[in-house]
Amino acid sequence: MSQLDESDSGILDASKSGGVHGGANFSIKHRIFRGIWNLVWLILASWTPPPLHGWRRFLLRLFGAKLGTGARVYGSARIWYPPNLEMRDYSVLGWKVNCYSQGKITIGRYAVVSQYSHLVSGTHAIDDPSFQLYTRPIVIGDNAWVASDAFVGPGVTVGEGAVLGARAVAFKNLDPWTVYVGNPARPARPRKRFTRP
């Protein structure tokens, strides 16, 4: 049974494309776009020094990402498919972050995704013999922090002001203004609420 829906644009039906036998998961148009994107990022952005956030924002917007004022993406970050990325004002994708945006990923105002973290919005239907790929959106709330080397899985919402501690793993939604640790992530304590202009 296929789990594809309208948000899975470009994903092929694995029962027809033969994905489990090495066939493609995405349309040729999608793959060409990603190939061009990866080449552009490699040549024009991956090596750039940290202060050149404006230049990297320009390239991401050129390829369909939606980036707010002051959003920062480091050159060593990897964005799989820019049209599925939305970063709001003053949000951050740190160095060596793997933004595996097969599906929509939204990062809220002042939210920080720290170094080596993984945001993965795609998965497979494990009971389907075709091993169908499908996506579920990830939302990182305003003022949230995904700490170093943490993992956020498909369909997870990290609530406003929540903290996912270093190397923690989130497969379920995280409550606002709560600190989570461990694998699987579990609440450790409340976080003091604050506002930013």
C-alpha atoms as a PDB file:
ATOM      1  CA  MET A   1       0.000   0.000   0.000  1.00  0.00           C
ATOM      2  CA  SER A   2       1.471   3.345  -1.051  1.00  0.00           C
ATOM      3  CA  GLN A   3       1.875   6.095   1.542  1.00  0.00           C
ATOM      4  CA  LEU A   4       2.555   8.837  -0.992  1.00  0.00           C
ATOM      5  CA  ASP A   5       0.598  12.066  -0.677  1.00  0.00           C
ATOM      6  CA  GLU A   6       0.647  15.535  -2.212  1.00  0.00           C
ATOM      7  CA  SER A   7       3.644  16.627  -0.119  1.00  0.00           C
ATOM      8  CA  ASP A   8       5.795  13.938  -1.739  1.00  0.00           C
ATOM      9  CA  SER A   9       6.286  15.744  -5.046  1.00  0.00           C
ATOM     10  CA  GLY A  10       8.902  14.145  -7.219  1.00  0.00           C
ATOM     11  CA  ILE A  11       8.836  10.802  -5.378  1.00  0.00           C
ATOM     12  CA  LEU A  12       8.234   7.830  -7.646  1.00  0.00           C
ATOM     13  CA  ASP A  13       5.982   4.880  -6.885  1.00  0.00           C
ATOM     14  CA  ALA A  14       8.529   2.282  -5.738  1.00  0.00           C
ATOM     15  CA  SER A  15       6.388  -0.611  -6.995  1.00  0.00           C
ATOM     16  CA  LYS A  16       6.831   0.774 -10.508  1.00  0.00           C
ATOM     17  CA  SER A  17      10.329   2.285 -10.325  1.00  0.00           C
ATOM     18  CA  GLY A  18      11.892  -0.767  -8.691  1.00  0.00           C
ATOM     19  CA  GLY A  19      13.449   1.206  -5.846  1.00  0.00           C
ATOM     20  CA  VAL A  20      14.101  -1.925  -3.799  1.00  0.00           C
ATOM     21  CA  HIS A  21      16.160  -3.258  -6.740  1.00  0.00           C
ATOM     22  CA  GLY A  22      18.229  -0.101  -7.098  1.00  0.00           C
ATOM     23  CA  GLY A  23      15.751   1.951  -9.125  1.00  0.00           C
ATOM     24  CA  ALA A  24      15.323   5.674  -8.591  1.00  0.00           C
ATOM     25  CA  ASN A  25      13.173   7.090  -5.794  1.00  0.00           C
ATOM     26  CA  PHE A  26      12.798  10.490  -7.479  1.00  0.00           C
ATOM     27  CA  SER A  27      11.927  11.724 -10.961  1.00  0.00           C
ATOM     28  CA  ILE A  28      14.711  12.544 -13.421  1.00  0.00           C
ATOM     29  CA  LYS A  29      13.797  16.247 -13.253  1.00  0.00           C
ATOM     30  CA  HIS A  30      14.174  16.163  -9.458  1.00  0.00           C
ATOM     31  CA  ARG A  31      17.538  14.372  -9.684  1.00  0.00           C
ATOM     32  CA  ILE A  32      18.911  16.798 -12.287  1.00  0.00           C
ATOM     33  CA  PHE A  33      17.863  19.761 -10.148  1.00  0.00           C
ATOM     34  CA  ARG A  34      19.618  18.259  -7.117  1.00  0.00           C
ATOM     35  CA  GLY A  35      22.727  17.520  -9.154  1.00  0.00           C
ATOM     36  CA  ILE A  36      22.971  21.130 -10.311  1.00  0.00           C
ATOM     37  CA  TRP A  37      22.261  22.366  -6.772  1.00  0.00           C
ATOM     38  CA  ASN A  38      25.000  20.184  -5.259  1.00  0.00           C
ATOM     39  CA  LEU A  39      27.527  21.370  -7.829  1.00  0.00           C
ATOM     40  CA  VAL A  40      26.642  25.040  -7.241  1.00  0.00           C
ATOM     41  CA  TRP A  41      26.886  24.671  -3.453  1.00  0.00           C
ATOM     42  CA  LEU A  42      30.193  22.796  -3.724  1.00  0.00           C
ATOM     43  CA  ILE A  43      31.812  25.376  -6.002  1.00  0.00           C
ATOM     44  CA  LEU A  44      30.280  28.606  -4.734  1.00  0.00           C
ATOM     45  CA  ALA A  45      29.418  28.071  -1.066  1.00  0.00           C
ATOM     46  CA  SER A  46      30.870  25.042   0.722  1.00  0.00           C
ATOM     47  CA  TRP A  47      34.301  26.620   1.192  1.00  0.00           C
ATOM     48  CA  THR A  48      33.153  30.162   2.034  1.00  0.00           C
ATOM     49  CA  PRO A  49      34.102  31.720   5.390  1.00  0.00           C
ATOM     50  CA  PRO A  50      31.412  32.017   8.092  1.00  0.00           C
ATOM     51  CA  PRO A  51      30.690  35.773   7.665  1.00  0.00           C
ATOM     52  CA  LEU A  52      29.382  35.274   4.091  1.00  0.00           C
ATOM     53  CA  HIS A  53      25.881  34.313   5.217  1.00  0.00           C
ATOM     54  CA  GLY A  54      24.301  36.805   2.810  1.00  0.00           C
ATOM     55  CA  TRP A  55      25.930  35.098  -0.174  1.00  0.00           C
ATOM     56  CA  ARG A  56      24.775  31.656   0.944  1.00  0.00           C
ATOM     57  CA  ARG A  57      21.246  33.001   1.566  1.00  0.00           C
ATOM     58  CA  PHE A  58      21.267  34.333  -1.998  1.00  0.00           C
ATOM     59  CA  LEU A  59      22.211  30.928  -3.431  1.00  0.00           C
ATOM     60  CA  LEU A  60      19.639  29.074  -1.359  1.00  0.00           C
ATOM     61  CA  ARG A  61      16.891  31.506  -2.357  1.00  0.00           C
ATOM     62  CA  LEU A  62      17.959  31.176  -5.986  1.00  0.00           C
ATOM     63  CA  PHE A  63      17.257  27.448  -5.707  1.00  0.00           C
ATOM     64  CA  GLY A  64      13.884  27.854  -4.013  1.00  0.00           C
ATOM     65  CA  ALA A  65      14.552  27.983  -0.266  1.00  0.00           C
ATOM     66  CA  LYS A  66      12.603  30.496   1.800  1.00  0.00           C
ATOM     67  CA  LEU A  67      14.959  32.339   4.156  1.00  0.00           C
ATOM     68  CA  GLY A  68      14.035  35.156   6.508  1.00  0.00           C
ATOM     69  CA  THR A  69      16.052  38.186   7.551  1.00  0.00           C
ATOM     70  CA  GLY A  70      19.387  37.281   9.126  1.00  0.00           C
ATOM     71  CA  ALA A  71      18.987  33.515   8.660  1.00  0.00           C
ATOM     72  CA  ARG A  72      22.420  31.896   8.807  1.00  0.00           C
ATOM     73  CA  VAL A  73      23.559  28.770   6.997  1.00  0.00           C
ATOM     74  CA  TYR A  74      27.184  27.689   7.248  1.00  0.00           C
ATOM     75  CA  GLY A  75      29.051  26.542   4.154  1.00  0.00           C
ATOM     76  CA  SER A  76      29.675  23.039   5.484  1.00  0.00           C
ATOM     77  CA  ALA A  77      25.948  22.443   6.044  1.00  0.00           C
ATOM     78  CA  ARG A  78      24.280  20.149   3.511  1.00  0.00           C
ATOM     79  CA  ILE A  79      20.806  20.991   2.253  1.00  0.00           C
ATOM     80  CA  TRP A  80      19.452  18.089   0.224  1.00  0.00           C
ATOM     81  CA  TYR A  81      16.651  19.941  -1.621  1.00  0.00           C
ATOM     82  CA  PRO A  82      16.383  23.729  -1.073  1.00  0.00           C
ATOM     83  CA  PRO A  83      12.699  24.148  -2.112  1.00  0.00           C
ATOM     84  CA  ASN A  84      11.748  22.095   0.960  1.00  0.00           C
ATOM     85  CA  LEU A  85      13.628  24.375   3.376  1.00  0.00           C
ATOM     86  CA  GLU A  86      12.103  27.362   5.138  1.00  0.00           C
ATOM     87  CA  MET A  87      14.156  29.296   7.684  1.00  0.00           C
ATOM     88  CA  ARG A  88      12.584  32.209   9.490  1.00  0.00           C
ATOM     89  CA  ASP A  89      14.301  35.361  10.789  1.00  0.00           C
ATOM     90  CA  TYR A  90      17.618  34.851  12.598  1.00  0.00           C
ATOM     91  CA  SER A  91      17.477  31.064  12.517  1.00  0.00           C
ATOM     92  CA  VAL A  92      20.699  29.052  12.166  1.00  0.00           C
ATOM     93  CA  LEU A  93      21.871  25.868  10.426  1.00  0.00           C
ATOM     94  CA  GLY A  94      25.302  25.268  11.954  1.00  0.00           C
ATOM     95  CA  TRP A  95      28.373  23.782  10.362  1.00  0.00           C
ATOM     96  CA  LYS A  96      28.204  20.170   9.174  1.00  0.00           C
ATOM     97  CA  VAL A  97      24.421  20.006   9.720  1.00  0.00           C
ATOM     98  CA  ASN A  98      22.726  17.428   7.495  1.00  0.00           C
ATOM     99  CA  CYS A  99      19.412  18.963   6.433  1.00  0.00           C
ATOM    100  CA  TYR A 100      17.990  15.945   4.614  1.00  0.00           C
ATOM    101  CA  SER A 101      15.010  17.828   3.241  1.00  0.00           C
ATOM    102  CA  GLN A 102      13.278  15.167   1.182  1.00  0.00           C
ATOM    103  CA  GLY A 103      10.137  16.661   2.707  1.00  0.00           C
ATOM    104  CA  LYS A 104       9.397  20.113   4.126  1.00  0.00           C
ATOM    105  CA  ILE A 105      11.612  21.387   6.963  1.00  0.00           C
ATOM    106  CA  THR A 106      10.692  24.632   8.731  1.00  0.00           C
ATOM    107  CA  ILE A 107      13.020  26.324  11.215  1.00  0.00           C
ATOM    108  CA  GLY A 108      11.447  29.041  13.353  1.00  0.00           C
ATOM    109  CA  ARG A 109      12.642  32.493  14.390  1.00  0.00           C
ATOM    110  CA  TYR A 110      15.855  32.437  16.446  1.00  0.00           C
ATOM    111  CA  ALA A 111      15.930  28.631  16.361  1.00  0.00           C
ATOM    112  CA  VAL A 112      19.389  27.042  16.244  1.00  0.00           C
ATOM    113  CA  VAL A 113      20.351  23.697  14.733  1.00  0.00           C
ATOM    114  CA  SER A 114      23.893  23.057  15.964  1.00  0.00           C
ATOM    115  CA  GLN A 115      26.865  21.321  14.364  1.00  0.00           C
ATOM    116  CA  TYR A 116      26.626  17.713  13.141  1.00  0.00           C
ATOM    117  CA  SER A 117      22.870  17.535  13.753  1.00  0.00           C
ATOM    118  CA  HIS A 118      20.577  15.649  11.392  1.00  0.00           C
ATOM    119  CA  LEU A 119      17.120  16.764  10.271  1.00  0.00           C
ATOM    120  CA  VAL A 120      15.620  13.859   8.299  1.00  0.00           C
ATOM    121  CA  SER A 121      12.143  14.285   6.821  1.00  0.00           C
ATOM    122  CA  GLY A 122      12.083  11.144   4.666  1.00  0.00           C
ATOM    123  CA  THR A 123      11.565   7.503   5.586  1.00  0.00           C
ATOM    124  CA  HIS A 124      10.314   4.233   4.099  1.00  0.00           C
ATOM    125  CA  ALA A 125       7.211   2.108   4.501  1.00  0.00           C
ATOM    126  CA  ILE A 126       8.882  -0.851   6.209  1.00  0.00           C
ATOM    127  CA  ASP A 127       5.906  -3.204   5.741  1.00  0.00           C
ATOM    128  CA  ASP A 128       5.677  -2.477   2.016  1.00  0.00           C
ATOM    129  CA  PRO A 129       7.623  -4.986  -0.106  1.00  0.00           C
ATOM    130  CA  SER A 130       8.476  -2.100  -2.452  1.00  0.00           C
ATOM    131  CA  PHE A 131      10.013  -0.185   0.516  1.00  0.00           C
ATOM    132  CA  GLN A 132       8.175   2.968  -0.606  1.00  0.00           C
ATOM    133  CA  LEU A 133       9.853   6.266   0.277  1.00  0.00           C
ATOM    134  CA  TYR A 134       7.577   8.914   1.789  1.00  0.00           C
ATOM    135  CA  THR A 135       8.019  12.150   3.720  1.00  0.00           C
ATOM    136  CA  ARG A 136       6.683  13.871   6.813  1.00  0.00           C
ATOM    137  CA  PRO A 137       7.392  17.538   7.602  1.00  0.00           C
ATOM    138  CA  ILE A 138       9.710  18.649  10.389  1.00  0.00           C
ATOM    139  CA  VAL A 139       9.019  21.867  12.308  1.00  0.00           C
ATOM    140  CA  ILE A 140      11.593  23.436  14.635  1.00  0.00           C
ATOM    141  CA  GLY A 141       9.743  26.056  16.702  1.00  0.00           C
ATOM    142  CA  ASP A 142      10.777  29.639  17.457  1.00  0.00           C
ATOM    143  CA  ASN A 143      13.643  29.910  19.982  1.00  0.00           C
ATOM    144  CA  ALA A 144      14.197  26.135  19.966  1.00  0.00           C
ATOM    145  CA  TRP A 145      17.659  24.597  20.053  1.00  0.00           C
ATOM    146  CA  VAL A 146      18.699  21.314  18.458  1.00  0.00           C
ATOM    147  CA  ALA A 147      22.086  20.780  20.124  1.00  0.00           C
ATOM    148  CA  SER A 148      25.232  19.170  18.683  1.00  0.00           C
ATOM    149  CA  ASP A 149      24.880  15.861  16.854  1.00  0.00           C
ATOM    150  CA  ALA A 150      21.174  15.476  17.672  1.00  0.00           C
ATOM    151  CA  PHE A 151      18.695  13.729  15.353  1.00  0.00           C
ATOM    152  CA  VAL A 152      15.178  14.882  14.454  1.00  0.00           C
ATOM    153  CA  GLY A 153      13.110  12.341  12.559  1.00  0.00           C
ATOM    154  CA  PRO A 154      10.261  12.602  10.053  1.00  0.00           C
ATOM    155  CA  GLY A 155       7.065  14.266  11.223  1.00  0.00           C
ATOM    156  CA  VAL A 156       8.552  15.683  14.435  1.00  0.00           C
ATOM    157  CA  THR A 157       7.670  19.120  15.789  1.00  0.00           C
ATOM    158  CA  VAL A 158      10.201  20.587  18.200  1.00  0.00           C
ATOM    159  CA  GLY A 159       8.013  22.939  20.204  1.00  0.00           C
ATOM    160  CA  GLU A 160       8.692  26.628  20.731  1.00  0.00           C
ATOM    161  CA  GLY A 161      11.667  27.118  23.053  1.00  0.00           C
ATOM    162  CA  ALA A 162      12.302  23.380  23.406  1.00  0.00           C
ATOM    163  CA  VAL A 163      15.853  22.037  23.658  1.00  0.00           C
ATOM    164  CA  LEU A 164      16.945  18.702  22.180  1.00  0.00           C
ATOM    165  CA  GLY A 165      20.210  17.970  23.979  1.00  0.00           C
ATOM    166  CA  ALA A 166      23.478  16.915  22.384  1.00  0.00           C
ATOM    167  CA  ARG A 167      23.246  13.534  20.643  1.00  0.00           C
ATOM    168  CA  ALA A 168      19.595  13.132  21.611  1.00  0.00           C
ATOM    169  CA  VAL A 169      17.147  11.480  19.203  1.00  0.00           C
ATOM    170  CA  ALA A 170      13.597  12.751  18.631  1.00  0.00           C
ATOM    171  CA  PHE A 171      10.999  10.593  16.889  1.00  0.00           C
ATOM    172  CA  LYS A 172       8.047  12.171  18.713  1.00  0.00           C
ATOM    173  CA  ASN A 173       6.964  15.779  19.152  1.00  0.00           C
ATOM    174  CA  LEU A 174       8.770  17.778  21.839  1.00  0.00           C
ATOM    175  CA  ASP A 175       6.709  19.985  24.148  1.00  0.00           C
ATOM    176  CA  PRO A 176       7.395  23.737  24.163  1.00  0.00           C
ATOM    177  CA  TRP A 177       9.868  25.153  26.669  1.00  0.00           C
ATOM    178  CA  THR A 178      11.103  21.732  27.773  1.00  0.00           C
ATOM    179  CA  VAL A 179      14.640  20.304  27.748  1.00  0.00           C
ATOM    180  CA  TYR A 180      14.964  16.786  26.311  1.00  0.00           C
ATOM    181  CA  VAL A 181      17.905  14.379  26.505  1.00  0.00           C
ATOM    182  CA  GLY A 182      18.736  10.825  25.463  1.00  0.00           C
ATOM    183  CA  ASN A 183      17.740   8.237  22.901  1.00  0.00           C
ATOM    184  CA  PRO A 184      14.818   8.229  22.633  1.00  0.00           C
ATOM    185  CA  ALA A 185      14.499  11.831  23.807  1.00  0.00           C
ATOM    186  CA  ARG A 186      12.821  12.211  27.187  1.00  0.00           C
ATOM    187  CA  PRO A 187      11.969  15.357  29.147  1.00  0.00           C
ATOM    188  CA  ALA A 188      14.643  16.398  31.665  1.00  0.00           C
ATOM    189  CA  ARG A 189      13.356  19.726  32.973  1.00  0.00           C
ATOM    190  CA  PRO A 190      11.389  22.844  31.998  1.00  0.00           C
ATOM    191  CA  ARG A 191      13.171  25.718  30.264  1.00  0.00           C
ATOM    192  CA  LYS A 192      12.617  29.284  31.429  1.00  0.00           C
ATOM    193  CA  ARG A 193      10.426  31.157  28.953  1.00  0.00           C
ATOM    194  CA  PHE A 194      11.648  34.328  27.288  1.00  0.00           C
ATOM    195  CA  THR A 195      10.797  36.509  24.308  1.00  0.00           C
ATOM    196  CA  ARG A 196      12.936  38.128  21.659  1.00  0.00           C
ATOM    197  CA  PRO A 197      12.067  41.199  19.575  1.00  0.00           C
END
